[in-house]
N, C-alpha and C. Protein backbone atom coordinates (compact mmCIF):
# COMPACT_ATOMS: atom_id res chain seq x y z
N MET A 1 121.83 161.81 160.38
CA MET A 1 122.44 162.50 159.43
C MET A 1 122.35 161.36 158.10
N MET A 2 121.88 162.19 157.28
CA MET A 2 121.69 161.15 155.95
C MET A 2 122.81 161.20 154.88
N ARG A 3 123.38 160.24 154.21
CA ARG A 3 124.41 159.93 153.55
C ARG A 3 124.00 160.53 151.82
N ALA A 4 124.94 161.08 151.11
CA ALA A 4 124.72 161.31 149.84
C ALA A 4 124.96 160.20 149.07
N PRO A 5 124.07 159.93 147.97
CA PRO A 5 124.64 158.85 146.97
C PRO A 5 125.75 158.46 146.64
N ALA A 6 126.42 157.41 146.49
CA ALA A 6 127.70 157.38 146.38
C ALA A 6 127.78 157.36 144.83
N SER A 7 129.13 157.65 144.37
CA SER A 7 129.40 157.82 142.94
C SER A 7 130.10 156.44 142.22
N SER A 8 130.31 156.85 140.99
CA SER A 8 130.98 155.67 140.51
C SER A 8 132.27 155.08 140.67
N ASP A 9 132.86 155.69 141.61
CA ASP A 9 134.04 155.62 142.09
C ASP A 9 134.58 154.57 143.04
N GLY A 10 133.59 153.56 143.15
CA GLY A 10 134.04 152.58 144.45
C GLY A 10 132.95 152.60 145.21
N SER A 11 132.28 153.57 145.40
CA SER A 11 131.38 153.41 146.41
C SER A 11 130.12 152.36 146.46
N PRO A 12 129.38 152.38 147.43
CA PRO A 12 128.51 150.96 147.94
C PRO A 12 127.38 151.14 146.75
N ARG A 13 127.14 152.10 146.10
CA ARG A 13 126.23 152.27 144.88
C ARG A 13 126.63 151.39 143.95
N SER A 14 127.77 151.44 143.30
CA SER A 14 128.62 150.84 142.41
C SER A 14 128.97 149.31 142.69
N ARG A 15 129.10 149.19 144.00
CA ARG A 15 129.54 147.86 144.52
C ARG A 15 128.36 146.76 144.34
N ARG A 16 126.90 147.54 144.50
CA ARG A 16 125.66 146.65 144.33
C ARG A 16 125.65 146.11 143.00
N TRP A 17 126.02 146.79 141.97
CA TRP A 17 125.70 146.16 140.63
C TRP A 17 126.68 145.07 140.41
N VAL A 18 127.82 145.33 140.80
CA VAL A 18 129.05 144.26 140.74
C VAL A 18 128.58 142.95 141.32
N VAL A 19 127.74 142.95 142.56
CA VAL A 19 127.45 141.81 143.06
C VAL A 19 126.18 141.29 142.65
N ALA A 20 125.39 142.34 142.08
CA ALA A 20 124.19 141.34 141.44
C ALA A 20 124.44 140.89 140.01
N LEU A 21 125.56 141.24 139.23
CA LEU A 21 125.93 140.87 137.81
C LEU A 21 125.95 139.29 138.01
N PRO A 22 126.61 138.35 139.12
CA PRO A 22 126.23 136.73 138.85
C PRO A 22 124.99 136.64 138.68
N LEU A 23 124.37 137.34 139.70
CA LEU A 23 122.86 136.68 140.09
C LEU A 23 122.03 136.73 138.44
N ILE A 24 122.12 138.09 138.04
CA ILE A 24 121.61 138.22 136.84
C ILE A 24 121.92 137.49 135.76
N GLY A 25 123.30 136.99 135.81
CA GLY A 25 123.73 136.14 134.48
C GLY A 25 123.13 134.75 135.04
N PHE A 26 123.18 134.22 136.35
CA PHE A 26 122.51 132.77 136.56
C PHE A 26 120.99 132.69 136.05
N ILE A 27 120.31 133.90 136.49
CA ILE A 27 118.93 133.80 135.87
C ILE A 27 118.68 133.86 134.37
N ALA A 28 119.68 134.75 133.85
CA ALA A 28 119.35 134.46 132.42
C ALA A 28 120.08 133.09 132.01
N VAL A 29 120.60 132.45 132.17
CA VAL A 29 121.24 131.28 131.75
C VAL A 29 120.28 130.15 132.15
N ALA A 30 119.50 130.19 133.18
CA ALA A 30 118.56 129.47 133.80
C ALA A 30 117.24 129.80 132.91
N ALA A 31 117.02 130.71 132.58
CA ALA A 31 115.78 131.12 131.81
C ALA A 31 115.98 130.35 130.39
N LEU A 32 116.95 130.44 129.79
CA LEU A 32 117.36 130.10 128.56
C LEU A 32 117.50 128.47 128.59
N PHE A 33 118.11 127.95 129.53
CA PHE A 33 117.60 126.32 129.60
C PHE A 33 116.68 125.78 129.77
N LEU A 34 115.48 126.57 130.59
CA LEU A 34 114.02 126.21 130.62
C LEU A 34 113.55 126.28 129.30
N VAL A 35 113.61 127.42 128.72
CA VAL A 35 112.98 127.49 127.31
C VAL A 35 113.52 126.42 126.28
N ARG A 36 114.52 126.03 126.18
CA ARG A 36 115.11 124.98 125.53
C ARG A 36 114.64 123.55 125.99
N LEU A 37 114.58 123.69 127.28
CA LEU A 37 114.06 122.13 127.66
C LEU A 37 112.50 122.13 127.74
N TYR A 38 111.76 122.92 127.77
CA TYR A 38 110.30 122.68 128.03
C TYR A 38 109.74 123.53 126.76
N GLY A 39 110.30 124.24 125.82
CA GLY A 39 109.58 124.92 124.84
C GLY A 39 109.44 124.31 123.17
N GLY A 40 109.84 123.28 123.13
CA GLY A 40 109.92 122.43 121.99
C GLY A 40 109.00 121.25 122.03
N ASP A 41 108.71 120.71 120.98
CA ASP A 41 107.98 119.47 120.97
C ASP A 41 109.16 118.32 121.03
N PRO A 42 108.86 117.57 122.22
CA PRO A 42 109.64 116.57 122.33
C PRO A 42 109.86 115.37 121.48
N SER A 43 108.52 115.55 120.24
CA SER A 43 108.77 114.21 119.30
C SER A 43 109.91 114.40 118.26
N LYS A 44 110.11 115.78 118.44
CA LYS A 44 111.08 116.40 117.41
C LYS A 44 112.74 116.42 117.69
N ILE A 45 112.98 115.69 118.65
CA ILE A 45 114.73 115.42 119.15
C ILE A 45 115.32 115.07 118.15
N PRO A 46 116.33 116.00 117.70
CA PRO A 46 117.09 115.74 116.38
C PRO A 46 118.01 114.14 116.45
N SER A 47 117.94 113.33 115.63
CA SER A 47 118.82 111.95 115.47
C SER A 47 119.98 112.31 114.71
N ALA A 48 120.93 111.79 115.10
CA ALA A 48 122.40 111.59 114.46
C ALA A 48 122.14 110.80 113.15
N LEU A 49 121.21 109.82 113.41
CA LEU A 49 120.97 108.90 112.16
C LEU A 49 120.14 109.47 110.91
N ILE A 50 119.37 110.58 111.11
CA ILE A 50 118.79 111.18 109.85
C ILE A 50 119.65 111.21 108.70
N GLY A 51 119.32 110.70 107.59
CA GLY A 51 120.09 110.91 106.43
C GLY A 51 121.04 109.57 106.30
N ARG A 52 121.19 108.78 107.26
CA ARG A 52 122.13 107.55 107.05
C ARG A 52 121.56 106.37 106.84
N PRO A 53 122.37 105.40 106.54
CA PRO A 53 121.46 104.15 106.41
C PRO A 53 120.88 103.38 107.55
N ALA A 54 119.83 102.76 107.42
CA ALA A 54 119.35 102.01 108.52
C ALA A 54 120.25 101.23 108.84
N PRO A 55 120.21 100.84 110.49
CA PRO A 55 121.06 99.91 111.04
C PRO A 55 121.11 98.60 110.14
N GLN A 56 122.20 98.01 109.98
CA GLN A 56 122.17 96.61 109.30
C GLN A 56 121.99 95.38 110.29
N THR A 57 121.44 95.62 111.51
CA THR A 57 121.15 94.52 112.59
C THR A 57 119.81 93.86 112.34
N ALA A 58 120.04 92.58 111.91
CA ALA A 58 119.03 91.65 111.92
C ALA A 58 118.60 91.35 113.21
N LEU A 59 117.46 91.19 113.59
CA LEU A 59 116.54 90.69 114.78
C LEU A 59 115.83 89.51 114.70
N PRO A 60 115.84 88.38 115.40
CA PRO A 60 115.02 87.14 115.11
C PRO A 60 113.61 87.12 115.13
N PRO A 61 112.92 86.58 114.80
CA PRO A 61 111.26 86.79 114.77
C PRO A 61 110.81 86.64 116.26
N LEU A 62 109.64 87.12 116.31
CA LEU A 62 108.77 86.59 117.37
C LEU A 62 108.14 85.54 117.57
N PRO A 63 108.97 84.55 118.26
CA PRO A 63 108.29 82.95 118.49
C PRO A 63 106.90 83.06 118.49
N GLY A 64 106.39 82.15 117.46
CA GLY A 64 104.80 81.69 117.32
C GLY A 64 103.97 82.90 116.82
N LEU A 65 104.45 83.94 116.47
CA LEU A 65 103.55 85.12 115.55
C LEU A 65 103.24 84.65 114.33
N VAL A 66 102.01 84.41 113.84
CA VAL A 66 101.50 83.86 112.69
C VAL A 66 100.70 85.01 112.35
N GLN A 67 100.77 85.06 110.42
CA GLN A 67 99.84 86.07 110.01
C GLN A 67 99.26 85.52 109.03
N ASN A 68 98.04 85.36 108.48
CA ASN A 68 97.41 84.44 107.49
C ASN A 68 98.25 83.01 107.27
N GLY A 69 98.10 82.54 108.36
CA GLY A 69 98.79 81.10 108.12
C GLY A 69 100.13 80.91 108.14
N ALA A 70 101.01 82.10 108.02
CA ALA A 70 102.47 81.99 107.73
C ALA A 70 103.27 82.59 108.97
N ALA A 71 104.33 82.09 109.32
CA ALA A 71 105.20 82.84 110.42
C ALA A 71 105.42 84.16 110.26
N VAL A 72 105.43 85.56 110.77
CA VAL A 72 105.80 86.38 110.61
C VAL A 72 107.59 86.62 110.67
N PRO A 73 108.15 87.04 109.80
CA PRO A 73 109.66 87.07 109.75
C PRO A 73 110.17 88.23 111.09
N GLY A 74 111.31 87.89 111.13
CA GLY A 74 112.06 88.74 111.97
C GLY A 74 112.45 90.17 111.19
N LEU A 75 113.58 91.01 111.80
CA LEU A 75 113.76 92.11 111.13
C LEU A 75 115.29 91.81 110.21
N ASP A 76 114.85 92.10 109.11
CA ASP A 76 116.04 91.70 107.66
C ASP A 76 116.11 93.23 107.30
N PRO A 77 117.25 93.68 107.54
CA PRO A 77 117.58 95.08 106.93
C PRO A 77 117.58 95.28 105.66
N ALA A 78 117.71 94.09 104.69
CA ALA A 78 117.74 94.13 103.38
C ALA A 78 116.33 94.24 102.83
N ALA A 79 115.39 94.15 103.76
CA ALA A 79 114.06 94.29 103.35
C ALA A 79 113.56 95.95 103.31
N PHE A 80 114.40 96.61 103.66
CA PHE A 80 114.23 98.05 103.54
C PHE A 80 114.21 98.67 102.06
N LYS A 81 115.12 98.09 101.07
CA LYS A 81 115.44 98.55 99.99
C LYS A 81 114.18 98.24 98.89
N GLY A 82 113.96 99.68 98.43
CA GLY A 82 112.94 99.59 97.37
C GLY A 82 111.85 99.84 98.03
N LYS A 83 111.42 99.59 99.54
CA LYS A 83 110.10 100.42 99.84
C LYS A 83 110.60 101.34 101.04
N VAL A 84 109.15 102.08 101.05
CA VAL A 84 109.15 103.23 102.15
C VAL A 84 108.84 102.14 103.41
N SER A 85 109.45 102.48 104.28
CA SER A 85 109.36 101.79 105.74
C SER A 85 108.76 102.62 106.83
N VAL A 86 107.98 102.02 107.80
CA VAL A 86 107.65 103.09 108.85
C VAL A 86 108.01 101.80 109.96
N VAL A 87 109.37 102.26 110.68
CA VAL A 87 109.94 101.27 111.89
C VAL A 87 109.29 101.70 113.10
N ASN A 88 108.49 100.90 113.92
CA ASN A 88 108.13 101.47 115.37
C ASN A 88 108.60 100.44 116.26
N VAL A 89 109.39 101.06 117.32
CA VAL A 89 109.57 100.51 118.57
C VAL A 89 108.85 100.53 119.52
N TRP A 90 108.20 99.04 120.11
CA TRP A 90 107.39 99.09 120.92
C TRP A 90 107.36 98.04 122.05
N ALA A 91 106.39 97.93 122.82
CA ALA A 91 106.50 96.71 123.85
C ALA A 91 105.08 96.76 124.49
N SER A 92 105.05 95.52 125.08
CA SER A 92 103.44 95.36 125.53
C SER A 92 103.42 96.12 127.00
N TRP A 93 104.45 96.38 127.67
CA TRP A 93 104.41 97.30 128.90
C TRP A 93 104.39 98.61 128.80
N CYS A 94 104.60 98.78 127.56
CA CYS A 94 104.56 100.65 127.51
C CYS A 94 103.04 100.88 127.29
N VAL A 95 102.62 101.88 128.12
CA VAL A 95 101.36 102.49 128.15
C VAL A 95 101.03 103.21 127.00
N PRO A 96 101.95 103.97 126.36
CA PRO A 96 101.79 104.77 125.01
C PRO A 96 101.69 103.95 124.10
N CYS A 97 102.20 102.89 123.87
CA CYS A 97 102.31 102.00 122.82
C CYS A 97 100.74 101.55 122.52
N HIS A 98 100.19 101.15 123.62
CA HIS A 98 98.55 100.66 123.76
C HIS A 98 97.83 101.46 122.99
N GLU A 99 98.18 102.93 123.25
CA GLU A 99 97.27 104.03 122.80
C GLU A 99 97.51 104.00 121.26
N GLU A 100 98.88 103.94 120.90
CA GLU A 100 99.04 104.00 119.34
C GLU A 100 98.78 102.85 118.61
N ALA A 101 98.66 101.72 119.01
CA ALA A 101 98.55 100.33 118.39
C ALA A 101 97.26 100.55 117.24
N PRO A 102 96.11 100.93 117.63
CA PRO A 102 95.04 101.08 116.75
C PRO A 102 95.47 102.00 115.49
N LEU A 103 96.29 103.33 115.76
CA LEU A 103 96.50 103.95 114.53
C LEU A 103 97.54 103.46 113.78
N LEU A 104 98.30 102.66 114.17
CA LEU A 104 99.29 101.83 113.34
C LEU A 104 98.84 100.75 112.39
N THR A 105 97.69 100.16 113.17
CA THR A 105 97.14 99.35 112.40
C THR A 105 96.37 99.92 111.15
N ALA A 106 95.78 100.95 111.55
CA ALA A 106 94.94 101.79 110.49
C ALA A 106 95.79 102.16 109.24
N LEU A 107 97.35 102.62 109.82
CA LEU A 107 98.37 103.10 108.98
C LEU A 107 98.65 102.00 108.02
N ALA A 108 98.53 100.71 108.46
CA ALA A 108 99.05 99.42 107.60
C ALA A 108 98.22 99.17 106.54
N ARG A 109 97.04 99.85 106.40
CA ARG A 109 96.25 99.84 105.41
C ARG A 109 96.82 100.19 104.11
N ASP A 110 97.64 101.34 104.30
CA ASP A 110 98.43 102.00 103.15
C ASP A 110 99.18 101.04 102.47
N THR A 111 98.81 100.18 101.20
CA THR A 111 99.80 99.72 100.49
C THR A 111 101.13 99.88 99.99
N ARG A 112 101.15 101.27 99.95
CA ARG A 112 102.34 101.79 99.52
C ARG A 112 103.42 101.71 100.57
N LEU A 113 103.21 101.30 101.41
CA LEU A 113 104.60 101.12 102.57
C LEU A 113 104.19 99.94 103.39
N GLN A 114 105.51 99.69 104.18
CA GLN A 114 105.61 98.27 105.02
C GLN A 114 105.82 99.09 106.41
N ILE A 115 104.94 98.17 107.45
CA ILE A 115 105.23 98.56 108.70
C ILE A 115 106.24 97.44 109.43
N VAL A 116 107.25 97.91 110.04
CA VAL A 116 108.20 96.97 110.70
C VAL A 116 108.16 97.32 112.19
N GLY A 117 107.93 96.38 113.19
CA GLY A 117 107.86 96.50 114.37
C GLY A 117 109.32 95.98 114.97
N ILE A 118 109.78 96.57 115.99
CA ILE A 118 110.97 96.08 117.14
C ILE A 118 110.43 96.00 118.35
N ASN A 119 110.10 94.87 118.62
CA ASN A 119 109.45 94.39 120.19
C ASN A 119 110.78 94.62 121.13
N TYR A 120 110.72 95.40 121.99
CA TYR A 120 112.00 96.05 122.91
C TYR A 120 111.45 95.44 124.16
N LYS A 121 112.27 94.52 124.69
CA LYS A 121 112.70 93.91 126.03
C LYS A 121 111.05 93.38 126.55
N ASP A 122 110.88 92.69 125.67
CA ASP A 122 109.25 91.98 126.10
C ASP A 122 109.48 90.55 126.26
N SER A 123 108.25 90.38 126.83
CA SER A 123 108.03 88.48 126.63
C SER A 123 107.79 88.38 125.40
N ALA A 124 107.85 87.00 124.78
CA ALA A 124 107.09 86.56 123.55
C ALA A 124 105.71 86.53 123.74
N GLU A 125 105.31 86.12 124.86
CA GLU A 125 103.85 85.79 125.47
C GLU A 125 102.84 86.93 125.28
N ASN A 126 103.65 88.01 126.09
CA ASN A 126 103.06 89.27 126.14
C ASN A 126 103.05 90.07 124.81
N ALA A 127 104.01 89.92 124.03
CA ALA A 127 104.19 90.85 122.65
C ALA A 127 103.01 90.17 121.83
N ARG A 128 102.85 88.68 121.81
CA ARG A 128 101.61 88.03 121.14
C ARG A 128 100.33 88.37 121.38
N ARG A 129 100.24 88.51 122.72
CA ARG A 129 99.05 88.84 123.46
C ARG A 129 98.51 90.56 122.86
N PHE A 130 99.77 91.49 122.84
CA PHE A 130 99.43 92.63 122.64
C PHE A 130 98.73 92.63 120.97
N LEU A 131 99.56 92.03 120.19
CA LEU A 131 99.45 92.00 119.01
C LEU A 131 98.15 91.32 118.46
N GLY A 132 97.59 90.45 119.55
CA GLY A 132 96.21 89.65 119.28
C GLY A 132 94.97 90.58 119.63
N ARG A 133 95.38 91.73 120.47
CA ARG A 133 94.51 92.38 120.97
C ARG A 133 94.10 93.66 120.12
N TYR A 134 95.25 94.26 119.47
CA TYR A 134 94.98 95.30 118.60
C TYR A 134 95.01 95.13 117.14
N GLY A 135 95.46 93.85 116.94
CA GLY A 135 95.95 93.52 115.37
C GLY A 135 97.31 93.67 115.13
N ASN A 136 97.79 92.97 114.24
CA ASN A 136 99.32 93.00 113.95
C ASN A 136 99.49 94.12 112.67
N PRO A 137 99.99 95.04 112.73
CA PRO A 137 100.23 96.01 111.61
C PRO A 137 101.49 95.55 110.84
N PHE A 138 102.47 94.98 111.43
CA PHE A 138 103.98 94.61 110.98
C PHE A 138 103.86 93.40 110.14
N SER A 139 104.50 93.84 109.28
CA SER A 139 105.04 92.79 108.02
C SER A 139 106.01 92.04 108.74
N MET A 140 107.04 92.50 109.41
CA MET A 140 108.15 92.16 110.11
C MET A 140 108.11 92.28 111.70
N VAL A 141 108.43 91.54 112.42
CA VAL A 141 108.55 91.87 114.04
C VAL A 141 109.96 91.28 114.52
N GLY A 142 111.01 92.07 114.70
CA GLY A 142 112.12 91.63 115.31
C GLY A 142 112.37 91.81 116.70
N VAL A 143 112.79 90.67 117.40
CA VAL A 143 112.72 91.02 118.88
C VAL A 143 114.17 91.24 119.29
N ASP A 144 114.19 92.67 120.07
CA ASP A 144 115.17 93.14 120.54
C ASP A 144 115.11 93.00 122.28
N SER A 145 115.57 91.63 122.63
CA SER A 145 115.25 91.18 123.96
C SER A 145 116.43 91.92 124.91
N ASN A 146 117.47 92.32 124.59
CA ASN A 146 118.48 92.72 125.35
C ASN A 146 118.71 94.34 125.07
N GLY A 147 118.09 94.79 124.12
CA GLY A 147 118.00 96.31 123.67
C GLY A 147 119.33 96.92 122.85
N ARG A 148 120.22 96.03 122.49
CA ARG A 148 121.29 96.44 121.51
C ARG A 148 120.93 96.79 120.29
N GLY A 149 119.84 96.11 119.54
CA GLY A 149 119.22 96.66 118.42
C GLY A 149 118.61 98.04 118.33
N SER A 150 118.20 98.20 119.56
CA SER A 150 117.47 99.65 119.64
C SER A 150 118.55 100.78 119.74
N ILE A 151 119.31 100.32 120.46
CA ILE A 151 120.56 101.20 120.74
C ILE A 151 121.22 101.43 119.31
N GLU A 152 121.45 100.80 118.53
CA GLU A 152 121.90 101.14 117.22
C GLU A 152 120.92 101.57 116.30
N TRP A 153 119.56 102.04 116.66
CA TRP A 153 118.89 102.63 116.07
C TRP A 153 118.71 104.24 116.83
N GLY A 154 119.20 104.27 117.84
CA GLY A 154 119.27 105.58 118.53
C GLY A 154 118.20 105.81 119.11
N VAL A 155 117.35 104.60 119.77
CA VAL A 155 116.28 104.92 120.78
C VAL A 155 116.69 105.19 122.14
N TYR A 156 115.81 106.36 122.34
CA TYR A 156 115.92 106.73 123.84
C TYR A 156 114.81 105.83 124.64
N GLY A 157 113.89 105.58 124.19
CA GLY A 157 112.72 104.81 124.83
C GLY A 157 111.83 104.52 123.90
N VAL A 158 110.61 103.62 124.59
CA VAL A 158 109.68 103.25 123.77
C VAL A 158 108.36 104.29 124.07
N PRO A 159 107.49 104.48 123.01
CA PRO A 159 107.92 104.07 121.66
C PRO A 159 108.42 105.24 120.72
N GLU A 160 108.95 104.80 119.87
CA GLU A 160 109.60 105.53 118.79
C GLU A 160 109.54 105.14 117.55
N THR A 161 109.16 106.05 116.85
CA THR A 161 108.83 105.51 115.33
C THR A 161 109.77 106.20 114.11
N PHE A 162 110.09 105.58 113.20
CA PHE A 162 111.34 106.17 112.22
C PHE A 162 110.60 105.98 110.69
N VAL A 163 110.83 106.59 109.91
CA VAL A 163 110.41 106.60 108.53
C VAL A 163 111.61 106.16 107.73
N VAL A 164 111.78 105.10 106.97
CA VAL A 164 113.04 104.84 105.99
C VAL A 164 112.50 104.71 104.60
N GLY A 165 113.36 105.53 104.01
CA GLY A 165 113.40 105.65 102.34
C GLY A 165 113.56 104.66 101.60
N ARG A 166 113.21 104.44 100.60
CA ARG A 166 113.48 103.21 99.51
C ARG A 166 114.84 102.93 99.52
N GLU A 167 115.71 103.91 99.75
CA GLU A 167 117.06 103.64 99.46
C GLU A 167 117.87 103.03 100.85
N GLY A 168 116.48 103.04 102.00
CA GLY A 168 117.16 102.09 103.08
C GLY A 168 117.63 103.30 104.18
N THR A 169 117.48 104.38 103.86
CA THR A 169 117.73 105.71 104.47
C THR A 169 117.04 106.38 105.53
N ILE A 170 117.25 106.83 106.87
CA ILE A 170 116.29 107.03 107.97
C ILE A 170 116.29 108.41 107.33
N LEU A 171 114.97 108.87 107.26
CA LEU A 171 114.41 110.32 106.79
C LEU A 171 113.91 110.79 107.93
N TYR A 172 113.51 110.36 108.90
CA TYR A 172 112.59 110.89 110.08
C TYR A 172 112.68 110.30 111.24
N LYS A 173 112.45 110.69 112.30
CA LYS A 173 112.26 110.02 113.73
C LYS A 173 111.65 110.84 114.72
N MET A 174 110.44 109.92 114.95
CA MET A 174 109.47 110.23 116.24
C MET A 174 109.72 110.21 117.73
N VAL A 175 109.54 110.71 118.45
CA VAL A 175 110.11 110.10 119.72
C VAL A 175 108.85 110.33 120.60
N GLY A 176 108.35 109.18 121.11
CA GLY A 176 106.90 109.38 121.83
C GLY A 176 106.06 108.66 121.07
N PRO A 177 104.57 108.52 121.48
CA PRO A 177 103.61 107.75 120.56
C PRO A 177 103.03 108.68 119.44
N VAL A 178 102.79 107.72 118.54
CA VAL A 178 101.67 108.17 117.21
C VAL A 178 100.61 108.77 118.02
N THR A 179 100.14 109.70 117.77
CA THR A 179 98.77 110.24 118.32
C THR A 179 97.67 110.49 117.05
N PRO A 180 96.16 110.70 117.16
CA PRO A 180 95.55 111.20 116.16
C PRO A 180 96.27 112.53 115.69
N ALA A 181 96.51 113.52 116.46
CA ALA A 181 97.07 114.80 116.18
C ALA A 181 98.32 114.71 115.16
N ASN A 182 99.51 114.03 115.63
CA ASN A 182 100.95 113.94 114.85
C ASN A 182 100.63 112.93 113.81
N LEU A 183 99.68 112.08 114.06
CA LEU A 183 99.72 111.12 112.47
C LEU A 183 99.62 111.81 111.23
N ASP A 184 98.43 112.68 111.48
CA ASP A 184 98.25 113.47 110.04
C ASP A 184 99.08 114.49 110.01
N THR A 185 99.28 115.27 111.02
CA THR A 185 100.04 116.96 110.86
C THR A 185 101.62 116.64 110.64
N VAL A 186 102.33 115.07 111.19
CA VAL A 186 103.42 115.10 110.93
C VAL A 186 103.79 113.66 110.35
N LEU A 187 103.46 112.63 110.98
CA LEU A 187 104.08 111.52 110.50
C LEU A 187 103.70 111.15 108.82
N LYS A 188 102.03 111.24 108.83
CA LYS A 188 102.16 111.27 107.12
C LYS A 188 102.53 112.06 106.22
N VAL A 189 102.88 113.12 106.58
CA VAL A 189 103.47 114.19 106.07
C VAL A 189 104.87 113.83 105.46
N GLU A 190 105.63 113.29 106.43
CA GLU A 190 107.19 112.59 106.25
C GLU A 190 106.84 111.39 105.56
N ILE A 191 105.71 110.65 105.46
CA ILE A 191 105.86 109.41 104.69
C ILE A 191 105.65 109.74 103.23
N GLU A 192 104.67 110.78 103.02
CA GLU A 192 104.41 111.32 101.73
C GLU A 192 105.55 111.90 101.21
N LYS A 193 106.34 112.50 101.83
CA LYS A 193 107.84 113.16 101.29
C LYS A 193 108.61 112.07 100.91
N ALA A 194 108.59 110.62 101.94
CA ALA A 194 109.45 109.64 101.49
C ALA A 194 109.09 108.78 100.31
N LEU A 195 107.69 108.88 99.97
CA LEU A 195 107.10 108.22 98.93
C LEU A 195 107.26 108.79 97.42
N ARG A 196 107.48 110.23 97.71
CA ARG A 196 107.83 111.05 96.49
C ARG A 196 108.86 110.90 95.59
């Protein structure tokens, strides 16, 4: 004998929808989470420091690093005033840092800005060898041996690159390596905005 379909008065058919609602809700939330997690460009992670002054943390120079016969200075926050700066957080053990190094060296030819390096949790010997291999694009290299200085910059990991305006304010943050694609379409665009 066949049963007639249940009505909306609490019969089996209406109970199926009630049971399925939590599953439908979970699927919707999971889909939203995945879209937010994988749907964007990871280099555009927002930073709470955008629009704020660059950290006033001085970092010591990389021992033994010389350029044009003079020792390369460490990170001096006062050097940001009056100049557009590109601050790159890097390490010799960072594979993407090796890939972006020639691009930063080429960018350093632009005399309208200064390139500043923060060497993150690295040995001095390996850092000097890295710069000897690719060329030193940095007018200053601050050594952040324990990572505290990078924390003040809001660094998630290496490499990361910041554009600092003439007033010493952080204008842009790029998470991940500088690549041929994002150098022209993103980083140089942000640099030009800062130079205006």
